[in-house]
């Protein structure tokens, strides 16, 4: 099936309050229009990009109308957009402003040529998992959210450790004293979890990592579990702890709260250029194989 028929409507979404994105976004939009594609843009992007006359819609409307969303910015921008568009099944392509990103792997300099090839069918599909989590207090669900990278229970600004119990599929795992616990997707394994000593997980694997943050006992090590698992984090000594969702939203926890985490029922569909190589990206981002 020709790509022009597959992707009839493409949404353009730029990094928030980033004026330098205006020129490449307009050039890309005009390029797509010449290929017979209907182009729309995110309303917040339109408010900050002068000179673009593409129809502007809220993100939920984009989710309902677009077949493909092209995100111009960085990995942080892609994280925010992916969470919002996940329920709609919109394919995502990432264009980075500067250095190669884990999620935004197309350079602005080669953007038109690369996306043109992708519209001709030369692309790789990669499905990424998200996490959903919710907080239960005295049998009442108080807060819920989605995370592309990780759900993190953390001690907040307090100087003392917190204490919590962890259960997986209802089975007791451990009680831990630490600064917190990171529950990470494979995508999030190269974010906060990596700096806390967690393993790098290949993106397509249906698994979840639990990574302690500065545990009191060194025998508390990261563990990797199946993607169908349900994790319970029960607060014993909470201090001023919080649960964070990709560092985007948070909720204050109190003693006795239970944070439930599991894989979200829908995935993010990322499209990469033909020849995309995850290990090449790791070498670039983590500076492997450099001479010292």
Protein backbone atom coordinates (compact mmCIF):
# COMPACT_ATOMS: atom_id res chain seq x y z
CA UNK A 1 0.00 0.00 0.00
CA UNK A 2 1.47 3.41 -0.93
CA UNK A 3 2.65 5.43 2.05
CA UNK A 4 0.66 8.49 0.89
CA UNK A 5 -2.53 6.48 1.46
CA UNK A 6 -1.35 5.03 4.77
CA UNK A 7 -0.44 8.40 6.21
CA UNK A 8 -3.11 10.74 4.92
CA UNK A 9 -2.89 13.18 7.83
CA UNK A 10 0.38 14.10 9.54
CA UNK A 11 0.63 16.24 12.67
CA UNK A 12 3.64 18.45 13.36
CA UNK A 13 4.54 19.06 17.00
CA UNK A 14 7.42 21.29 18.05
CA UNK A 15 9.32 21.73 21.28
CA UNK A 16 7.40 24.09 23.54
CA UNK A 17 8.63 27.71 23.45
CA UNK A 18 11.44 26.93 21.06
CA UNK A 19 11.42 29.65 18.35
CA UNK A 20 14.27 28.03 16.40
CA UNK A 21 11.92 25.18 15.50
CA UNK A 22 9.74 27.48 13.35
CA UNK A 23 11.72 27.36 10.10
CA UNK A 24 12.27 23.58 9.95
CA UNK A 25 8.67 22.93 10.97
CA UNK A 26 7.30 25.13 8.18
CA UNK A 27 9.70 23.61 5.63
CA UNK A 28 8.62 20.12 6.67
CA UNK A 29 4.94 21.04 6.50
CA UNK A 30 5.28 22.43 2.97
CA UNK A 31 7.26 19.35 1.93
CA UNK A 32 4.45 17.09 3.18
CA UNK A 33 1.75 19.15 1.47
CA UNK A 34 3.56 18.80 -1.86
CA UNK A 35 3.26 15.03 -1.41
CA UNK A 36 -0.51 15.36 -1.09
CA UNK A 37 -0.57 14.87 2.68
CA UNK A 38 -2.93 16.80 4.94
CA UNK A 39 -0.85 18.67 7.54
CA UNK A 40 -2.05 19.76 10.97
CA UNK A 41 -0.17 21.11 13.96
CA UNK A 42 -0.42 21.13 17.71
CA UNK A 43 -2.13 24.25 19.07
CA UNK A 44 0.67 25.08 21.49
CA UNK A 45 3.15 24.71 18.65
CA UNK A 46 1.08 27.05 16.47
CA UNK A 47 0.99 29.66 19.25
CA UNK A 48 4.80 29.72 19.32
CA UNK A 49 5.58 29.29 15.62
CA UNK A 50 4.88 32.40 13.58
CA UNK A 51 4.23 32.03 9.88
CA UNK A 52 2.72 28.55 9.80
CA UNK A 53 -0.85 28.41 8.54
CA UNK A 54 -1.52 24.71 9.07
CA UNK A 55 -4.73 23.96 10.98
CA UNK A 56 -4.06 23.96 14.73
CA UNK A 57 -5.67 21.37 17.03
CA UNK A 58 -5.40 20.32 20.66
CA UNK A 59 -3.42 17.13 21.25
CA UNK A 60 -6.49 15.00 21.93
CA UNK A 61 -7.96 16.10 18.60
CA UNK A 62 -4.67 15.31 16.89
CA UNK A 63 -4.88 11.85 18.43
CA UNK A 64 -8.27 11.33 16.79
CA UNK A 65 -7.32 12.69 13.35
CA UNK A 66 -3.63 12.05 12.67
CA UNK A 67 -2.12 8.88 11.23
CA UNK A 68 1.40 10.06 12.03
CA UNK A 69 2.88 12.68 14.37
CA UNK A 70 6.33 14.12 13.70
CA UNK A 71 7.88 15.56 16.85
CA UNK A 72 10.59 18.21 16.44
CA UNK A 73 12.61 18.75 19.60
CA UNK A 74 14.34 16.30 21.88
CA UNK A 75 13.66 13.19 23.88
CA UNK A 76 11.89 15.19 26.59
CA UNK A 77 9.41 16.56 24.07
CA UNK A 78 8.85 13.08 22.66
CA UNK A 79 8.20 11.67 26.14
CA UNK A 80 5.46 14.21 26.78
CA UNK A 81 3.81 13.73 23.40
CA UNK A 82 4.03 9.92 23.54
CA UNK A 83 2.20 9.78 26.86
CA UNK A 84 -0.59 11.99 25.55
CA UNK A 85 -1.04 10.24 22.19
CA UNK A 86 -0.59 6.66 23.49
CA UNK A 87 -4.34 5.97 23.87
CA UNK A 88 -4.92 6.85 20.20
CA UNK A 89 -2.37 4.59 18.50
CA UNK A 90 -0.76 7.37 16.46
CA UNK A 91 2.64 6.49 14.96
CA UNK A 92 5.48 8.79 16.06
CA UNK A 93 8.65 10.00 14.37
CA UNK A 94 11.27 12.04 16.24
CA UNK A 95 13.43 14.81 14.76
CA UNK A 96 16.18 16.12 17.04
CA UNK A 97 17.40 19.69 17.19
CA UNK A 98 20.91 18.86 18.28
CA UNK A 99 22.62 15.63 19.27
CA UNK A 100 21.24 12.22 18.45
CA UNK A 101 18.48 11.23 20.86
CA UNK A 102 17.33 7.86 22.12
CA UNK A 103 13.82 8.63 20.80
CA UNK A 104 14.45 11.45 18.33
CA UNK A 105 16.92 9.93 15.90
CA UNK A 106 16.44 12.01 12.72
CA UNK A 107 18.64 15.06 12.27
CA UNK A 108 17.05 18.34 11.22
CA UNK A 109 19.80 18.71 8.60
CA UNK A 110 18.70 15.53 6.77
CA UNK A 111 15.04 15.72 7.81
CA UNK A 112 13.36 16.14 4.42
CA UNK A 113 15.39 13.43 2.69
CA UNK A 114 14.95 10.96 5.54
CA UNK A 115 11.24 11.51 6.05
CA UNK A 116 10.71 11.38 2.29
CA UNK A 117 12.28 7.92 2.24
CA UNK A 118 10.13 6.88 5.19
CA UNK A 119 7.00 8.02 3.38
CA UNK A 120 8.13 5.80 0.51
CA UNK A 121 8.00 2.85 2.89
CA UNK A 122 11.62 2.72 4.04
CA UNK A 123 11.18 2.61 7.78
CA UNK A 124 11.34 0.30 10.80
CA UNK A 125 8.47 -0.09 13.27
CA UNK A 126 9.29 -0.35 16.96
CA UNK A 127 6.62 -0.83 19.62
CA UNK A 128 7.50 0.55 23.05
CA UNK A 129 5.76 -0.20 26.34
CA UNK A 130 4.46 2.34 28.83
CA UNK A 131 3.56 1.99 32.48
CA UNK A 132 0.36 2.96 34.19
CA UNK A 133 0.28 3.54 37.93
CA UNK A 134 -2.21 4.59 40.55
CA UNK A 135 -2.22 5.39 44.26
CA UNK A 136 -4.65 3.71 46.66
CA UNK A 137 -5.25 5.22 50.11
CA UNK A 138 -7.68 3.51 52.47
CA UNK A 139 -9.19 1.53 49.54
CA UNK A 140 -9.78 4.69 47.50
CA UNK A 141 -7.97 5.35 44.20
CA UNK A 142 -6.67 8.92 44.44
CA UNK A 143 -4.32 9.46 41.52
CA UNK A 144 -3.28 7.73 38.31
CA UNK A 145 -0.97 8.44 35.41
CA UNK A 146 1.12 7.10 32.54
CA UNK A 147 4.89 6.92 32.23
CA UNK A 148 7.03 6.22 29.17
CA UNK A 149 10.33 6.08 31.09
CA UNK A 150 9.57 5.29 34.70
CA UNK A 151 7.40 5.50 37.77
CA UNK A 152 9.56 6.58 40.72
CA UNK A 153 8.78 6.56 44.43
CA UNK A 154 11.26 8.99 46.04
CA UNK A 155 11.89 10.46 49.46
CA UNK A 156 11.43 14.05 48.25
CA UNK A 157 13.46 16.83 49.85
CA UNK A 158 13.65 15.10 53.21
CA UNK A 159 17.10 14.06 54.39
CA UNK A 160 15.92 10.70 55.71
CA UNK A 161 15.38 7.41 53.93
CA UNK A 162 11.90 6.05 53.34
CA UNK A 163 10.74 2.50 54.00
CA UNK A 164 8.38 0.50 51.83
CA UNK A 165 7.29 -3.03 51.07
CA UNK A 166 7.33 -4.41 47.53
CA UNK A 167 5.04 -7.12 46.24
CA UNK A 168 4.91 -8.59 42.73
CA UNK A 169 1.70 -10.29 41.63
CA UNK A 170 0.68 -10.35 45.28
CA UNK A 171 3.87 -12.12 46.41
CA UNK A 172 6.09 -10.47 49.01
CA UNK A 173 9.53 -9.54 47.61
CA UNK A 174 11.21 -7.38 50.28
CA UNK A 175 10.97 -4.46 52.65
CA UNK A 176 13.47 -1.81 51.69
CA UNK A 177 14.97 1.30 53.25
CA UNK A 178 16.37 3.62 50.59
CA UNK A 179 15.97 6.98 48.89
CA UNK A 180 13.39 5.39 46.62
CA UNK A 181 12.56 2.86 43.93
CA UNK A 182 12.52 3.23 40.15
CA UNK A 183 10.09 1.10 38.14
CA UNK A 184 11.38 1.44 34.58
CA UNK A 185 10.38 0.39 31.09
CA UNK A 186 13.12 -0.67 28.65
CA UNK A 187 12.91 2.88 27.27
CA UNK A 188 13.51 4.27 30.75
CA UNK A 189 16.41 1.93 31.43
CA UNK A 190 18.76 4.49 29.85
CA UNK A 191 17.39 7.36 31.96
CA UNK A 192 17.28 7.71 35.78
CA UNK A 193 17.49 3.94 36.22
CA UNK A 194 20.86 3.82 34.44
CA UNK A 195 22.38 6.47 36.71
CA UNK A 196 21.17 4.43 39.70
CA UNK A 197 22.99 1.30 38.55
CA UNK A 198 20.19 -0.39 36.63
CA UNK A 199 20.70 -2.55 33.53
CA UNK A 200 20.20 -1.41 29.95
CA UNK A 201 17.16 -3.21 28.55
CA UNK A 202 16.61 -3.73 24.84
CA UNK A 203 13.64 -1.53 23.86
CA UNK A 204 11.29 -4.17 22.42
CA UNK A 205 11.43 -6.59 25.33
CA UNK A 206 8.22 -7.03 27.40
CA UNK A 207 9.96 -6.57 30.75
CA UNK A 208 10.11 -4.13 33.67
CA UNK A 209 13.10 -3.20 35.85
CA UNK A 210 12.97 -2.40 39.58
CA UNK A 211 15.98 -0.30 40.55
CA UNK A 212 16.60 0.82 44.16
CA UNK A 213 17.86 4.37 44.71
CA UNK A 214 20.71 4.43 47.26
CA UNK A 215 19.47 1.42 49.27
CA UNK A 216 20.52 1.08 52.91
CA UNK A 217 21.57 -2.52 52.27
CA UNK A 218 23.93 -3.14 49.34
CA UNK A 219 22.32 -6.56 48.76
CA UNK A 220 19.22 -4.73 47.45
CA UNK A 221 20.01 -5.03 43.73
CA UNK A 222 18.06 -4.19 40.58
CA UNK A 223 15.78 -6.96 39.36
CA UNK A 224 14.05 -7.50 36.01
CA UNK A 225 10.56 -9.01 35.90
CA UNK A 226 7.98 -9.98 33.30
CA UNK A 227 5.97 -7.29 31.59
CA UNK A 228 2.67 -8.76 32.76
CA UNK A 229 3.57 -8.29 36.42
CA UNK A 230 1.68 -6.03 38.81
CA UNK A 231 3.94 -4.23 41.28
CA UNK A 232 2.74 -2.97 44.66
CA UNK A 233 4.79 -0.48 46.66
CA UNK A 234 3.34 -0.09 50.16
CA UNK A 235 4.60 2.88 52.14
CA UNK A 236 5.75 2.04 55.70
CA UNK A 237 7.71 5.21 56.55
CA UNK A 238 6.91 7.82 53.99
CA UNK A 239 8.41 11.11 55.19
CA UNK A 240 7.59 13.62 52.48
CA UNK A 241 7.87 11.06 49.68
CA UNK A 242 6.25 11.37 46.29
CA UNK A 243 5.53 9.20 43.30
CA UNK A 244 6.73 10.69 40.01
CA UNK A 245 5.64 9.87 36.45
CA UNK A 246 8.53 10.59 34.04
CA UNK A 247 9.31 13.58 36.31
CA UNK A 248 6.30 15.13 34.57
CA UNK A 249 3.61 14.79 37.23
CA UNK A 250 3.71 13.68 40.84
CA UNK A 251 1.59 12.85 43.87
CA UNK A 252 2.46 13.20 47.57
CA UNK A 253 2.43 9.95 49.53
CA UNK A 254 1.63 9.23 53.16
CA UNK A 255 2.19 6.21 55.36
CA UNK A 256 -0.06 3.32 54.32
CA UNK A 257 -0.43 4.42 50.70
CA UNK A 258 -0.05 1.73 48.06
CA UNK A 259 1.35 2.52 44.61
CA UNK A 260 0.31 -0.01 41.95
CA UNK A 261 2.31 -0.20 38.72
CA UNK A 262 1.74 -2.33 35.63
CA UNK A 263 2.26 -2.23 31.88
CA UNK A 264 -0.21 -0.01 30.04
CA UNK A 265 -2.54 -1.88 27.69
CA UNK A 266 -1.45 0.11 24.62
CA UNK A 267 2.01 0.64 23.19
CA UNK A 268 3.81 3.53 21.54
CA UNK A 269 4.60 2.90 17.87
CA UNK A 270 7.88 4.59 16.92
CA UNK A 271 9.01 4.74 13.32
CA UNK A 272 12.74 4.83 12.57
CA UNK A 273 14.60 5.30 9.28
CA UNK A 274 15.73 2.19 7.45
CA UNK A 275 19.04 1.07 8.89
CA UNK A 276 18.27 2.28 12.41
CA UNK A 277 20.65 0.59 14.86
CA UNK A 278 19.96 0.77 18.60
CA UNK A 279 23.50 -0.29 19.48
CA UNK A 280 24.95 2.49 17.33
CA UNK A 281 22.79 4.90 19.30
CA UNK A 282 24.08 3.51 22.59
CA UNK A 283 27.66 3.98 21.41
CA UNK A 284 26.94 7.56 20.43
CA UNK A 285 25.04 8.53 23.58
CA UNK A 286 27.14 6.63 26.12
CA UNK A 287 30.50 7.23 24.42
CA UNK A 288 31.41 3.59 24.13
CA UNK A 289 34.53 2.55 22.20
CA UNK A 290 36.15 5.95 22.61
CA UNK A 291 39.95 6.20 22.86
CA UNK A 292 41.33 7.70 26.02
